[in-house]
PDB file of N, CA and C in Angstrom:
ATOM      1  N   UNK A   1       0.602  -1.088  -0.080  1.00  0.00           N
ATOM      2  CA  UNK A   1      -0.001  -0.093  -0.091  1.00  0.00           C
ATOM      3  C   UNK A   1       0.770   1.286   0.136  1.00  0.00           C
ATOM      4  N   UNK A   2       0.366   2.193  -0.792  1.00  0.00           N
ATOM      5  CA  UNK A   2       1.215   3.562  -0.859  1.00  0.00           C
ATOM      6  C   UNK A   2       0.183   4.528  -0.229  1.00  0.00           C
ATOM      7  N   UNK A   3       0.798   5.604   0.504  1.00  0.00           N
ATOM      8  CA  UNK A   3       0.245   6.828   1.072  1.00  0.00           C
ATOM      9  C   UNK A   3       0.135   7.666  -0.041  1.00  0.00           C
ATOM     10  N   UNK A   4      -1.180   8.412  -0.282  1.00  0.00           N
ATOM     11  CA  UNK A   4      -1.234   9.500  -1.191  1.00  0.00           C
ATOM     12  C   UNK A   4      -2.080  10.409  -0.494  1.00  0.00           C
ATOM     13  N   UNK A   5      -2.008  11.704  -0.930  1.00  0.00           N
ATOM     14  CA  UNK A   5      -2.564  13.031  -0.014  1.00  0.00           C
ATOM     15  C   UNK A   5      -3.280  13.719  -1.283  1.00  0.00           C
ATOM     16  N   UNK A   6      -4.531  14.291  -0.720  1.00  0.00           N
ATOM     17  CA  UNK A   6      -5.454  15.066  -1.634  1.00  0.00           C
ATOM     18  C   UNK A   6      -4.726  16.381  -2.104  1.00  0.00           C
ATOM     19  N   UNK A   7      -4.617  16.399  -3.450  1.00  0.00           N
ATOM     20  CA  UNK A   7      -3.980  17.324  -3.992  1.00  0.00           C
ATOM     21  C   UNK A   7      -4.687  18.495  -4.974  1.00  0.00           C
ATOM     22  N   UNK A   8      -5.994  17.994  -5.262  1.00  0.00           N
ATOM     23  CA  UNK A   8      -6.878  18.633  -6.381  1.00  0.00           C
ATOM     24  C   UNK A   8      -8.190  18.117  -6.219  1.00  0.00           C
ATOM     25  N   UNK A   9      -9.228  18.953  -6.315  1.00  0.00           N
ATOM     26  CA  UNK A   9     -10.697  18.621  -6.106  1.00  0.00           C
ATOM     27  C   UNK A   9     -11.226  19.293  -7.339  1.00  0.00           C
ATOM     28  N   UNK A  10     -12.105  18.923  -8.442  1.00  0.00           N
ATOM     29  CA  UNK A  10     -12.608  19.302  -9.455  1.00  0.00           C
ATOM     30  C   UNK A  10     -13.986  19.077  -9.674  1.00  0.00           C
ATOM     31  N   UNK A  11     -14.883  20.104  -9.689  1.00  0.00           N
ATOM     32  CA  UNK A  11     -16.467  19.874 -10.042  1.00  0.00           C
ATOM     33  C   UNK A  11     -16.607  19.847 -11.373  1.00  0.00           C
ATOM     34  N   UNK A  12     -17.615  18.910 -11.900  1.00  0.00           N
ATOM     35  CA  UNK A  12     -17.931  19.246 -13.384  1.00  0.00           C
ATOM     36  C   UNK A  12     -19.394  19.563 -13.379  1.00  0.00           C
ATOM     37  N   UNK A  13     -19.759  19.996 -14.460  1.00  0.00           N
ATOM     38  CA  UNK A  13     -21.296  20.256 -14.582  1.00  0.00           C
ATOM     39  C   UNK A  13     -22.334  19.137 -14.432  1.00  0.00           C
ATOM     40  N   UNK A  14     -21.940  17.873 -14.510  1.00  0.00           N
ATOM     41  CA  UNK A  14     -22.654  16.768 -14.592  1.00  0.00           C
ATOM     42  C   UNK A  14     -23.078  16.329 -12.923  1.00  0.00           C
ATOM     43  N   UNK A  15     -22.286  17.050 -11.986  1.00  0.00           N
ATOM     44  CA  UNK A  15     -22.594  16.640 -10.638  1.00  0.00           C
ATOM     45  C   UNK A  15     -21.454  15.702 -10.227  1.00  0.00           C
ATOM     46  N   UNK A  16     -20.440  15.492 -10.853  1.00  0.00           N
ATOM     47  CA  UNK A  16     -19.341  14.632 -10.380  1.00  0.00           C
ATOM     48  C   UNK A  16     -18.150  15.472  -9.897  1.00  0.00           C
ATOM     49  N   UNK A  17     -17.502  14.744  -9.071  1.00  0.00           N
ATOM     50  CA  UNK A  17     -16.299  15.480  -8.289  1.00  0.00           C
ATOM     51  C   UNK A  17     -15.067  14.511  -8.627  1.00  0.00           C
ATOM     52  N   UNK A  18     -14.124  15.010  -9.133  1.00  0.00           N
ATOM     53  CA  UNK A  18     -12.811  14.349  -9.522  1.00  0.00           C
ATOM     54  C   UNK A  18     -11.807  14.732  -8.404  1.00  0.00           C
ATOM     55  N   UNK A  19     -11.370  13.784  -7.485  1.00  0.00           N
ATOM     56  CA  UNK A  19     -10.393  13.997  -6.493  1.00  0.00           C
ATOM     57  C   UNK A  19      -9.083  13.283  -6.977  1.00  0.00           C
ATOM     58  N   UNK A  20      -7.925  14.012  -6.814  1.00  0.00           N
ATOM     59  CA  UNK A  20      -6.710  13.711  -7.292  1.00  0.00           C
ATOM     60  C   UNK A  20      -5.974  13.748  -5.891  1.00  0.00           C
ATOM     61  N   UNK A  21      -5.355  12.325  -5.677  1.00  0.00           N
ATOM     62  CA  UNK A  21      -4.383  12.283  -4.595  1.00  0.00           C
ATOM     63  C   UNK A  21      -3.029  11.831  -5.184  1.00  0.00           C
ATOM     64  N   UNK A  22      -1.952  12.452  -4.565  1.00  0.00           N
ATOM     65  CA  UNK A  22      -0.500  12.210  -5.167  1.00  0.00           C
ATOM     66  C   UNK A  22       0.365  11.632  -3.924  1.00  0.00           C
ATOM     67  N   UNK A  23       1.416  11.149  -4.275  1.00  0.00           N
ATOM     68  CA  UNK A  23       2.311  10.823  -3.317  1.00  0.00           C
ATOM     69  C   UNK A  23       3.053  12.037  -2.973  1.00  0.00           C
ATOM     70  N   UNK A  24       3.803  12.190  -1.861  1.00  0.00           N
ATOM     71  CA  UNK A  24       4.501  13.416  -1.312  1.00  0.00           C
ATOM     72  C   UNK A  24       5.562  13.925  -2.340  1.00  0.00           C
ATOM     73  N   UNK A  25       6.146  12.983  -3.120  1.00  0.00           N
ATOM     74  CA  UNK A  25       7.106  13.646  -4.325  1.00  0.00           C
ATOM     75  C   UNK A  25       6.458  14.093  -5.390  1.00  0.00           C
ATOM     76  N   UNK A  26       5.143  13.951  -5.566  1.00  0.00           N
ATOM     77  CA  UNK A  26       4.201  14.422  -6.578  1.00  0.00           C
ATOM     78  C   UNK A  26       4.467  13.644  -7.928  1.00  0.00           C
ATOM     79  N   UNK A  27       5.226  12.465  -7.993  1.00  0.00           N
ATOM     80  CA  UNK A  27       5.442  11.658  -9.091  1.00  0.00           C
ATOM     81  C   UNK A  27       4.298  10.875  -9.225  1.00  0.00           C
ATOM     82  N   UNK A  28       3.450  10.359  -8.608  1.00  0.00           N
ATOM     83  CA  UNK A  28       2.569   9.180  -8.610  1.00  0.00           C
ATOM     84  C   UNK A  28       1.258   9.861  -8.206  1.00  0.00           C
ATOM     85  N   UNK A  29       0.199   9.485  -8.888  1.00  0.00           N
ATOM     86  CA  UNK A  29      -1.155  10.224  -8.657  1.00  0.00           C
ATOM     87  C   UNK A  29      -2.228   8.940  -8.641  1.00  0.00           C
ATOM     88  N   UNK A  30      -3.212   9.271  -7.922  1.00  0.00           N
ATOM     89  CA  UNK A  30      -4.534   8.522  -7.951  1.00  0.00           C
ATOM     90  C   UNK A  30      -5.758   9.330  -8.032  1.00  0.00           C
ATOM     91  N   UNK A  31      -6.558   9.058  -8.845  1.00  0.00           N
ATOM     92  CA  UNK A  31      -7.894   9.805  -9.044  1.00  0.00           C
ATOM     93  C   UNK A  31      -9.005   8.977  -8.727  1.00  0.00           C
ATOM     94  N   UNK A  32     -10.076   9.712  -8.179  1.00  0.00           N
ATOM     95  CA  UNK A  32     -11.293   9.052  -7.768  1.00  0.00           C
ATOM     96  C   UNK A  32     -12.541   9.917  -8.093  1.00  0.00           C
ATOM     97  N   UNK A  33     -13.401   9.405  -8.822  1.00  0.00           N
ATOM     98  CA  UNK A  33     -14.594  10.224  -9.026  1.00  0.00           C
ATOM     99  C   UNK A  33     -15.692   9.793  -8.156  1.00  0.00           C
ATOM    100  N   UNK A  34     -16.580  10.706  -7.705  1.00  0.00           N
ATOM    101  CA  UNK A  34     -17.742  10.504  -7.067  1.00  0.00           C
ATOM    102  C   UNK A  34     -18.883  11.601  -7.402  1.00  0.00           C
ATOM    103  N   UNK A  35     -19.948  11.144  -6.964  1.00  0.00           N
ATOM    104  CA  UNK A  35     -21.196  12.026  -7.292  1.00  0.00           C
ATOM    105  C   UNK A  35     -21.037  13.149  -6.108  1.00  0.00           C
ATOM    106  N   UNK A  36     -21.167  14.660  -6.569  1.00  0.00           N
ATOM    107  CA  UNK A  36     -21.302  15.523  -5.687  1.00  0.00           C
ATOM    108  C   UNK A  36     -22.075  15.326  -4.476  1.00  0.00           C
ATOM    109  N   UNK A  37     -23.381  14.762  -4.563  1.00  0.00           N
ATOM    110  CA  UNK A  37     -24.168  14.598  -3.357  1.00  0.00           C
ATOM    111  C   UNK A  37     -23.689  13.866  -2.433  1.00  0.00           C
ATOM    112  N   UNK A  38     -22.733  12.908  -2.853  1.00  0.00           N
ATOM    113  CA  UNK A  38     -22.092  11.998  -1.745  1.00  0.00           C
ATOM    114  C   UNK A  38     -21.183  12.662  -0.836  1.00  0.00           C
ATOM    115  N   UNK A  39     -20.699  13.864  -1.274  1.00  0.00           N
ATOM    116  CA  UNK A  39     -19.879  14.471  -0.349  1.00  0.00           C
ATOM    117  C   UNK A  39     -20.760  15.226   0.653  1.00  0.00           C
ATOM    118  N   UNK A  40     -22.005  15.403   0.518  1.00  0.00           N
ATOM    119  CA  UNK A  40     -22.966  15.911   1.595  1.00  0.00           C
ATOM    120  C   UNK A  40     -23.336  14.789   2.412  1.00  0.00           C
ATOM    121  N   UNK A  41     -23.776  13.684   1.871  1.00  0.00           N
ATOM    122  CA  UNK A  41     -24.557  12.584   2.553  1.00  0.00           C
ATOM    123  C   UNK A  41     -23.527  11.550   2.959  1.00  0.00           C
ATOM    124  N   UNK A  42     -22.173  11.337   2.328  1.00  0.00           N
ATOM    125  CA  UNK A  42     -21.127  10.421   2.967  1.00  0.00           C
ATOM    126  C   UNK A  42     -20.338  10.855   3.894  1.00  0.00           C
ATOM    127  N   UNK A  43     -19.365   9.997   3.909  1.00  0.00           N
ATOM    128  CA  UNK A  43     -18.255  10.235   5.087  1.00  0.00           C
ATOM    129  C   UNK A  43     -17.272  11.543   4.887  1.00  0.00           C
ATOM    130  N   UNK A  44     -17.622  12.289   3.750  1.00  0.00           N
ATOM    131  CA  UNK A  44     -16.711  13.207   3.260  1.00  0.00           C
ATOM    132  C   UNK A  44     -15.335  12.669   2.653  1.00  0.00           C
ATOM    133  N   UNK A  45     -14.577  13.708   2.433  1.00  0.00           N
ATOM    134  CA  UNK A  45     -13.278  13.614   1.434  1.00  0.00           C
ATOM    135  C   UNK A  45     -12.147  13.551   2.544  1.00  0.00           C
ATOM    136  N   UNK A  46     -11.207  12.459   2.690  1.00  0.00           N
ATOM    137  CA  UNK A  46     -10.158  12.517   3.535  1.00  0.00           C
ATOM    138  C   UNK A  46      -8.905  13.197   2.909  1.00  0.00           C
ATOM    139  N   UNK A  47      -8.193  13.574   3.869  1.00  0.00           N
ATOM    140  CA  UNK A  47      -6.730  14.455   3.653  1.00  0.00           C
ATOM    141  C   UNK A  47      -5.920  13.273   2.891  1.00  0.00           C
ATOM    142  N   UNK A  48      -6.093  12.090   3.168  1.00  0.00           N
ATOM    143  CA  UNK A  48      -5.102  10.974   2.588  1.00  0.00           C
ATOM    144  C   UNK A  48      -5.857   9.773   2.271  1.00  0.00           C
ATOM    145  N   UNK A  49      -5.113   8.861   1.818  1.00  0.00           N
ATOM    146  CA  UNK A  49      -5.554   7.455   1.360  1.00  0.00           C
ATOM    147  C   UNK A  49      -4.585   6.369   1.409  1.00  0.00           C
ATOM    148  N   UNK A  50      -4.739   5.101   1.555  1.00  0.00           N
ATOM    149  CA  UNK A  50      -3.785   4.065   1.412  1.00  0.00           C
ATOM    150  C   UNK A  50      -4.352   3.406   0.098  1.00  0.00           C
ATOM    151  N   UNK A  51      -3.331   3.383  -0.909  1.00  0.00           N
ATOM    152  CA  UNK A  51      -3.986   2.636  -2.196  1.00  0.00           C
ATOM    153  C   UNK A  51      -2.912   1.867  -2.606  1.00  0.00           C
ATOM    154  N   UNK A  52      -3.559   0.952  -3.306  1.00  0.00           N
ATOM    155  CA  UNK A  52      -2.624  -0.323  -3.952  1.00  0.00           C
ATOM    156  C   UNK A  52      -1.499   0.446  -4.998  1.00  0.00           C
ATOM    157  N   UNK A  53      -0.530  -0.027  -5.057  1.00  0.00           N
ATOM    158  CA  UNK A  53       0.506   0.375  -6.027  1.00  0.00           C
ATOM    159  C   UNK A  53       0.155   0.367  -7.344  1.00  0.00           C
ATOM    160  N   UNK A  54      -0.993  -0.677  -7.605  1.00  0.00           N
ATOM    161  CA  UNK A  54      -1.173  -0.890  -9.045  1.00  0.00           C
ATOM    162  C   UNK A  54      -2.318   0.182  -9.436  1.00  0.00           C
ATOM    163  N   UNK A  55      -2.926   0.830  -8.589  1.00  0.00           N
ATOM    164  CA  UNK A  55      -4.060   2.001  -8.560  1.00  0.00           C
ATOM    165  C   UNK A  55      -3.263   3.407  -9.043  1.00  0.00           C
ATOM    166  N   UNK A  56      -2.000   3.446  -8.969  1.00  0.00           N
ATOM    167  CA  UNK A  56      -1.376   4.697  -9.148  1.00  0.00           C
ATOM    168  C   UNK A  56      -0.972   4.881 -10.423  1.00  0.00           C
ATOM    169  N   UNK A  57      -1.044   6.062 -11.000  1.00  0.00           N
ATOM    170  CA  UNK A  57      -0.445   6.510 -12.359  1.00  0.00           C
ATOM    171  C   UNK A  57       0.510   7.572 -12.146  1.00  0.00           C
ATOM    172  N   UNK A  58       1.380   7.794 -13.381  1.00  0.00           N
ATOM    173  CA  UNK A  58       2.168   8.621 -13.494  1.00  0.00           C
ATOM    174  C   UNK A  58       1.534  10.458 -13.483  1.00  0.00           C
ATOM    175  N   UNK A  59       1.993  11.194 -12.657  1.00  0.00           N
ATOM    176  CA  UNK A  59       1.435  12.477 -12.647  1.00  0.00           C
ATOM    177  C   UNK A  59       2.001  13.219 -13.948  1.00  0.00           C
ATOM    178  N   UNK A  60       1.139  13.949 -14.550  1.00  0.00           N
ATOM    179  CA  UNK A  60       1.590  14.770 -15.736  1.00  0.00           C
ATOM    180  C   UNK A  60       2.819  15.712 -15.231  1.00  0.00           C
ATOM    181  N   UNK A  61       3.847  15.510 -16.186  1.00  0.00           N
ATOM    182  CA  UNK A  61       5.134  16.457 -15.769  1.00  0.00           C
ATOM    183  C   UNK A  61       4.868  17.717 -15.249  1.00  0.00           C
ATOM    184  N   UNK A  62       3.976  18.443 -15.957  1.00  0.00           N
ATOM    185  CA  UNK A  62       3.772  19.872 -15.611  1.00  0.00           C
ATOM    186  C   UNK A  62       3.009  20.280 -14.036  1.00  0.00           C
ATOM    187  N   UNK A  63       2.539  18.916 -13.558  1.00  0.00           N
ATOM    188  CA  UNK A  63       1.942  18.936 -12.388  1.00  0.00           C
ATOM    189  C   UNK A  63       2.833  18.566 -11.030  1.00  0.00           C
ATOM    190  N   UNK A  64       3.934  17.928 -11.287  1.00  0.00           N
ATOM    191  CA  UNK A  64       4.761  17.173 -10.395  1.00  0.00           C
ATOM    192  C   UNK A  64       5.176  18.104  -9.034  1.00  0.00           C
ATOM    193  N   UNK A  65       5.527  19.126  -9.587  1.00  0.00           N
ATOM    194  CA  UNK A  65       6.046  20.207  -8.567  1.00  0.00           C
ATOM    195  C   UNK A  65       4.802  20.656  -7.778  1.00  0.00           C
ATOM    196  N   UNK A  66       3.677  21.140  -8.419  1.00  0.00           N
ATOM    197  CA  UNK A  66       2.331  21.472  -7.642  1.00  0.00           C
ATOM    198  C   UNK A  66       2.021  20.349  -6.474  1.00  0.00           C
ATOM    199  N   UNK A  67       1.671  19.099  -7.324  1.00  0.00           N
ATOM    200  CA  UNK A  67       1.404  18.100  -6.523  1.00  0.00           C
ATOM    201  C   UNK A  67       2.336  17.754  -5.204  1.00  0.00           C
ATOM    202  N   UNK A  68       3.473  17.729  -5.459  1.00  0.00           N
ATOM    203  CA  UNK A  68       4.351  17.402  -4.405  1.00  0.00           C
ATOM    204  C   UNK A  68       4.345  18.693  -3.248  1.00  0.00           C
ATOM    205  N   UNK A  69       4.280  19.794  -3.685  1.00  0.00           N
ATOM    206  CA  UNK A  69       3.909  20.840  -2.707  1.00  0.00           C
ATOM    207  C   UNK A  69       2.612  20.632  -1.980  1.00  0.00           C
ATOM    208  N   UNK A  70       1.523  20.559  -2.687  1.00  0.00           N
ATOM    209  CA  UNK A  70       0.193  20.245  -2.013  1.00  0.00           C
ATOM    210  C   UNK A  70       0.213  18.990  -1.195  1.00  0.00           C
ATOM    211  N   UNK A  71       0.961  17.669  -1.731  1.00  0.00           N
ATOM    212  CA  UNK A  71       0.808  16.550  -0.795  1.00  0.00           C
ATOM    213  C   UNK A  71       1.652  16.847   0.444  1.00  0.00           C
ATOM    214  N   UNK A  72       2.737  17.406   0.407  1.00  0.00           N
ATOM    215  CA  UNK A  72       3.543  17.716   1.488  1.00  0.00           C
ATOM    216  C   UNK A  72       2.869  18.408   2.464  1.00  0.00           C
ATOM    217  N   UNK A  73       2.255  19.485   2.183  1.00  0.00           N
ATOM    218  CA  UNK A  73       1.420  20.465   3.090  1.00  0.00           C
ATOM    219  C   UNK A  73       0.219  19.539   3.702  1.00  0.00           C
ATOM    220  N   UNK A  74      -0.242  18.853   2.958  1.00  0.00           N
ATOM    221  CA  UNK A  74      -1.483  18.104   3.612  1.00  0.00           C
ATOM    222  C   UNK A  74      -1.069  17.090   4.696  1.00  0.00           C
ATOM    223  N   UNK A  75       0.126  16.526   4.329  1.00  0.00           N
ATOM    224  CA  UNK A  75       0.880  15.309   5.133  1.00  0.00           C
ATOM    225  C   UNK A  75       1.168  16.058   6.633  1.00  0.00           C
ATOM    226  N   UNK A  76       1.728  17.315   6.385  1.00  0.00           N
ATOM    227  CA  UNK A  76       2.194  18.196   7.578  1.00  0.00           C
ATOM    228  C   UNK A  76       1.030  18.521   8.386  1.00  0.00           C
ATOM    229  N   UNK A  77      -0.108  18.804   7.740  1.00  0.00           N
ATOM    230  CA  UNK A  77      -1.097  19.549   8.597  1.00  0.00           C
ATOM    231  C   UNK A  77      -2.303  18.503   8.947  1.00  0.00           C
ATOM    232  N   UNK A  78      -2.379  17.339   8.327  1.00  0.00           N
ATOM    233  CA  UNK A  78      -3.375  16.501   8.739  1.00  0.00           C
ATOM    234  C   UNK A  78      -3.028  15.186   8.995  1.00  0.00           C
ATOM    235  N   UNK A  79      -4.021  14.413   9.538  1.00  0.00           N
ATOM    236  CA  UNK A  79      -3.827  12.906   9.668  1.00  0.00           C
ATOM    237  C   UNK A  79      -4.435  12.279   8.503  1.00  0.00           C
ATOM    238  N   UNK A  80      -4.350  11.144   8.049  1.00  0.00           N
ATOM    239  CA  UNK A  80      -4.668  10.391   6.811  1.00  0.00           C
ATOM    240  C   UNK A  80      -6.115  10.524   6.708  1.00  0.00           C
ATOM    241  N   UNK A  81      -6.836  10.186   7.876  1.00  0.00           N
ATOM    242  CA  UNK A  81      -8.344  10.271   7.849  1.00  0.00           C
ATOM    243  C   UNK A  81      -9.107  11.352   8.273  1.00  0.00           C
ATOM    244  N   UNK A  82      -8.349  12.659   8.265  1.00  0.00           N
ATOM    245  CA  UNK A  82      -9.214  13.860   8.567  1.00  0.00           C
ATOM    246  C   UNK A  82      -9.880  14.281   7.317  1.00  0.00           C
ATOM    247  N   UNK A  83     -11.191  14.630   7.714  1.00  0.00           N
ATOM    248  CA  UNK A  83     -12.019  15.055   6.590  1.00  0.00           C
ATOM    249  C   UNK A  83     -11.614  16.574   6.293  1.00  0.00           C
ATOM    250  N   UNK A  84     -11.512  16.761   4.902  1.00  0.00           N
ATOM    251  CA  UNK A  84     -11.206  18.041   4.402  1.00  0.00           C
ATOM    252  C   UNK A  84     -12.115  18.492   3.431  1.00  0.00           C
TER     253      UNK A  84
END
């Protein structure tokens, strides 16, 4: 298992939310999509997650630095299961 941290949250016009989690070095990422309504009625979005290595993809080259910065900040300020 690999720890990843929330680095981006995007909402679309169809009511979906795309959550992007990244490793602290910003090089690997994991995305998850869910219905916007689930944010309200569910357990919320956590600061981090544990994911299988096979669930990780390469981060876009132009996002690695930002992802690393965001992931490191989340790791420093939150526990994995903190709702953010």
